[in-house]
Amino acid sequence: MTDYQKIIDKYYLPGTRVREILLKHSRQVADKALSIAHSLHLELSDDAIEAAAMLHDIGIYLTDAAGIGCHGTEPYIRHGILGAALLRNEGADEEIAAVAERHTGAGITADDIKQMSLPIPEGDYMPRTLLERLICYADKFYSKSGDMKEKPLEKVRASMLRHSQPTLERFEALHNEFGNEDQ
């Protein structure tokens, strides 16, 4: 299993704002994903869920997102593919790298890339496996900026709709798979 803490420690210096944000956000996503997995009795290991959640945003430091302490040069939309490349280079399990690559938005299609002129390689970045879909879903409830508290479902839906109607529809499919009336 991928040692997520070793990878985080290599790329995120202790005491930095970006590390604190990454760790808080990733822990929130991990806790929500674990809670969902346990309540729905999903056939996923806790170790895989935790590693995937803790590393899904590993590429953010490479992006230009000063508001969350990231001072790289890449557009933020690229953090998933950058993180996946970093994880593969580190020898992380492919299932963990794929989560990083496919968690952005509610997934990104080749049509999205063309229609929105997104600065990512043409391809399909839709979450495919149960683990990919679970982390993608749990991630939508937490921001890396602002108060970082869990967002209510209606706020998540509004955020998805701001991207596009198809993005909202993809989120709704994830919500049908993992959500419940208590959220």
Protein backbone atom coordinates (compact mmCIF):
# COMPACT_ATOMS: atom_id res chain seq x y z
CA MET A 1 0.00 0.00 0.00
CA THR A 2 1.15 3.51 -0.78
CA ASP A 3 2.71 5.37 2.17
CA TYR A 4 0.79 8.62 1.79
CA GLN A 5 2.51 10.41 4.67
CA LYS A 6 5.97 9.81 3.20
CA ILE A 7 4.87 11.35 -0.11
CA ILE A 8 3.18 14.33 1.57
CA ASP A 9 6.27 14.94 3.71
CA LYS A 10 8.51 14.90 0.62
CA TYR A 11 6.57 17.63 -1.22
CA TYR A 12 4.95 19.71 1.55
CA LEU A 13 7.23 21.30 4.15
CA PRO A 14 6.10 21.29 7.78
CA GLY A 15 4.78 24.64 8.96
CA THR A 16 3.70 25.84 5.52
CA ARG A 17 0.21 27.08 4.85
CA VAL A 18 -0.24 24.85 1.81
CA ARG A 19 0.65 21.75 3.87
CA GLU A 20 -1.83 22.70 6.60
CA ILE A 21 -4.57 23.25 4.01
CA LEU A 22 -3.75 20.03 2.14
CA LEU A 23 -3.75 17.96 5.34
CA LYS A 24 -6.96 19.45 6.71
CA HIS A 25 -8.84 19.14 3.41
CA SER A 26 -7.57 15.64 2.69
CA ARG A 27 -8.43 14.44 6.22
CA GLN A 28 -11.97 15.83 5.80
CA VAL A 29 -12.36 13.99 2.50
CA ALA A 30 -10.92 10.80 4.01
CA ASP A 31 -13.25 10.92 7.00
CA LYS A 32 -16.32 11.51 4.83
CA ALA A 33 -15.33 8.77 2.37
CA LEU A 34 -14.68 6.31 5.20
CA SER A 35 -18.02 7.16 6.80
CA ILE A 36 -19.86 6.61 3.51
CA ALA A 37 -17.98 3.38 2.83
CA HIS A 38 -18.83 2.01 6.26
CA SER A 39 -22.49 3.05 6.18
CA LEU A 40 -22.99 1.59 2.70
CA HIS A 41 -20.80 -1.48 3.37
CA LEU A 42 -18.68 -0.77 0.30
CA GLU A 43 -16.16 -3.39 -0.76
CA LEU A 44 -13.16 -1.11 -0.31
CA SER A 45 -10.34 -1.27 2.23
CA ASP A 46 -9.99 1.53 4.73
CA ASP A 47 -6.28 1.77 3.82
CA ALA A 48 -7.04 2.35 0.14
CA ILE A 49 -9.71 4.94 0.93
CA GLU A 50 -7.42 6.80 3.30
CA ALA A 51 -4.41 6.78 0.95
CA ALA A 52 -6.52 7.90 -2.02
CA ALA A 53 -8.17 10.69 -0.04
CA MET A 54 -4.93 11.90 1.50
CA LEU A 55 -3.19 12.03 -1.90
CA HIS A 56 -5.96 13.10 -4.28
CA ASP A 57 -4.76 16.74 -4.23
CA ILE A 58 -1.00 16.08 -3.97
CA GLY A 59 -0.40 18.14 -7.13
CA ILE A 60 -1.81 21.44 -5.89
CA TYR A 61 1.57 22.89 -4.90
CA LEU A 62 2.55 22.90 -8.59
CA THR A 63 -0.31 25.26 -9.43
CA ASP A 64 -0.75 29.00 -9.25
CA ALA A 65 -3.34 29.28 -6.48
CA ALA A 66 -1.91 31.84 -4.07
CA GLY A 67 -5.15 31.94 -2.07
CA ILE A 68 -4.34 28.48 -0.72
CA GLY A 69 -0.59 28.95 -0.52
CA CYS A 70 0.27 27.40 -3.89
CA HIS A 71 2.91 29.31 -5.82
CA GLY A 72 3.56 27.07 -8.80
CA THR A 73 3.15 28.00 -12.44
CA GLU A 74 0.45 25.63 -13.67
CA PRO A 75 -3.28 26.38 -13.92
CA TYR A 76 -5.18 24.90 -10.95
CA ILE A 77 -7.33 22.69 -13.22
CA ARG A 78 -4.14 20.70 -13.91
CA HIS A 79 -3.56 19.67 -10.27
CA GLY A 80 -5.14 16.25 -10.83
CA ILE A 81 -3.02 15.22 -13.79
CA LEU A 82 0.09 16.74 -12.22
CA GLY A 83 -0.57 14.86 -9.00
CA ALA A 84 -1.15 11.61 -10.85
CA ALA A 85 2.18 12.00 -12.68
CA LEU A 86 3.94 12.74 -9.39
CA LEU A 87 2.38 9.68 -7.74
CA ARG A 88 3.32 7.42 -10.63
CA ASN A 89 6.87 8.76 -10.49
CA GLU A 90 6.95 7.97 -6.76
CA GLY A 91 5.83 4.40 -7.42
CA ALA A 92 2.43 4.84 -5.77
CA ASP A 93 -0.27 2.26 -6.44
CA GLU A 94 -1.97 2.96 -9.77
CA GLU A 95 -5.40 2.98 -8.12
CA ILE A 96 -4.25 5.93 -5.99
CA ALA A 97 -2.72 7.81 -8.95
CA ALA A 98 -5.94 7.30 -10.94
CA VAL A 99 -7.97 8.90 -8.13
CA ALA A 100 -5.77 12.00 -8.31
CA GLU A 101 -6.12 12.09 -12.08
CA ARG A 102 -9.91 11.68 -12.19
CA HIS A 103 -11.34 13.46 -9.13
CA THR A 104 -11.53 17.01 -10.51
CA GLY A 105 -15.04 18.44 -10.75
CA ALA A 106 -17.41 15.52 -11.08
CA GLY A 107 -15.05 14.14 -13.70
CA ILE A 108 -13.94 15.78 -16.92
CA THR A 109 -14.87 14.43 -20.33
CA ALA A 110 -13.05 14.89 -23.63
CA ASP A 111 -16.00 17.06 -24.72
CA ASP A 112 -15.55 19.27 -21.63
CA ILE A 113 -11.90 19.80 -22.54
CA LYS A 114 -12.80 20.84 -26.09
CA GLN A 115 -15.88 22.94 -25.25
CA MET A 116 -14.26 24.81 -22.36
CA SER A 117 -10.75 24.90 -23.89
CA LEU A 118 -9.33 23.40 -20.70
CA PRO A 119 -5.52 23.39 -20.47
CA ILE A 120 -5.24 19.64 -19.93
CA PRO A 121 -4.34 16.89 -22.39
CA GLU A 122 -7.25 15.64 -24.43
CA GLY A 123 -8.70 12.58 -22.79
CA ASP A 124 -11.33 11.20 -20.48
CA TYR A 125 -10.84 12.02 -16.79
CA MET A 126 -14.04 10.50 -15.47
CA PRO A 127 -13.90 8.57 -12.20
CA ARG A 128 -14.36 4.92 -13.17
CA THR A 129 -13.75 2.65 -10.21
CA LEU A 130 -15.70 2.58 -6.96
CA LEU A 131 -12.74 4.15 -5.14
CA GLU A 132 -12.37 6.92 -7.74
CA ARG A 133 -16.09 7.74 -7.60
CA LEU A 134 -16.19 7.72 -3.79
CA ILE A 135 -13.26 10.12 -3.37
CA CYS A 136 -14.56 12.36 -6.16
CA TYR A 137 -17.93 12.55 -4.39
CA ALA A 138 -16.58 13.14 -0.86
CA ASP A 139 -14.21 15.83 -2.17
CA LYS A 140 -17.05 17.99 -3.42
CA PHE A 141 -18.21 18.74 0.14
CA TYR A 142 -15.01 20.52 1.19
CA SER A 143 -13.16 23.52 -0.12
CA LYS A 144 -9.51 24.31 0.43
CA SER A 145 -10.38 27.96 0.98
CA GLY A 146 -12.72 29.93 3.22
CA ASP A 147 -13.86 28.34 6.47
CA MET A 148 -13.21 24.81 5.14
CA LYS A 149 -16.38 23.54 6.81
CA GLU A 150 -18.50 20.86 5.15
CA LYS A 151 -20.72 22.37 2.46
CA PRO A 152 -24.42 21.59 2.50
CA LEU A 153 -25.67 19.54 -0.43
CA GLU A 154 -27.45 22.49 -2.06
CA LYS A 155 -24.23 24.52 -2.05
CA VAL A 156 -22.38 21.61 -3.69
CA ARG A 157 -25.08 21.37 -6.34
CA ALA A 158 -24.87 25.12 -7.02
CA SER A 159 -21.10 24.85 -7.36
CA MET A 160 -21.41 21.99 -9.84
CA LEU A 161 -24.00 23.88 -11.87
CA ARG A 162 -21.66 26.90 -12.09
CA HIS A 163 -19.30 24.65 -14.06
CA SER A 164 -21.99 23.24 -16.35
CA GLN A 165 -25.27 21.35 -16.44
CA PRO A 166 -23.47 18.10 -17.41
CA THR A 167 -21.17 18.54 -14.40
CA LEU A 168 -24.21 18.82 -12.13
CA GLU A 169 -25.73 15.74 -13.76
CA ARG A 170 -22.53 13.78 -13.14
CA PHE A 171 -22.52 14.91 -9.52
CA GLU A 172 -26.15 13.82 -9.15
CA ALA A 173 -25.18 10.35 -10.39
CA LEU A 174 -22.49 10.24 -7.70
CA HIS A 175 -25.00 11.46 -5.11
CA ASN A 176 -27.44 8.73 -6.14
CA GLU A 177 -24.66 6.20 -5.59
CA PHE A 178 -23.25 7.55 -2.30
CA GLY A 179 -25.60 10.15 -0.81
CA ASN A 180 -28.45 9.90 1.59
CA GLU A 181 -31.19 12.16 2.94
CA ASP A 182 -29.12 13.13 6.02
CA GLN A 183 -26.63 15.15 3.97
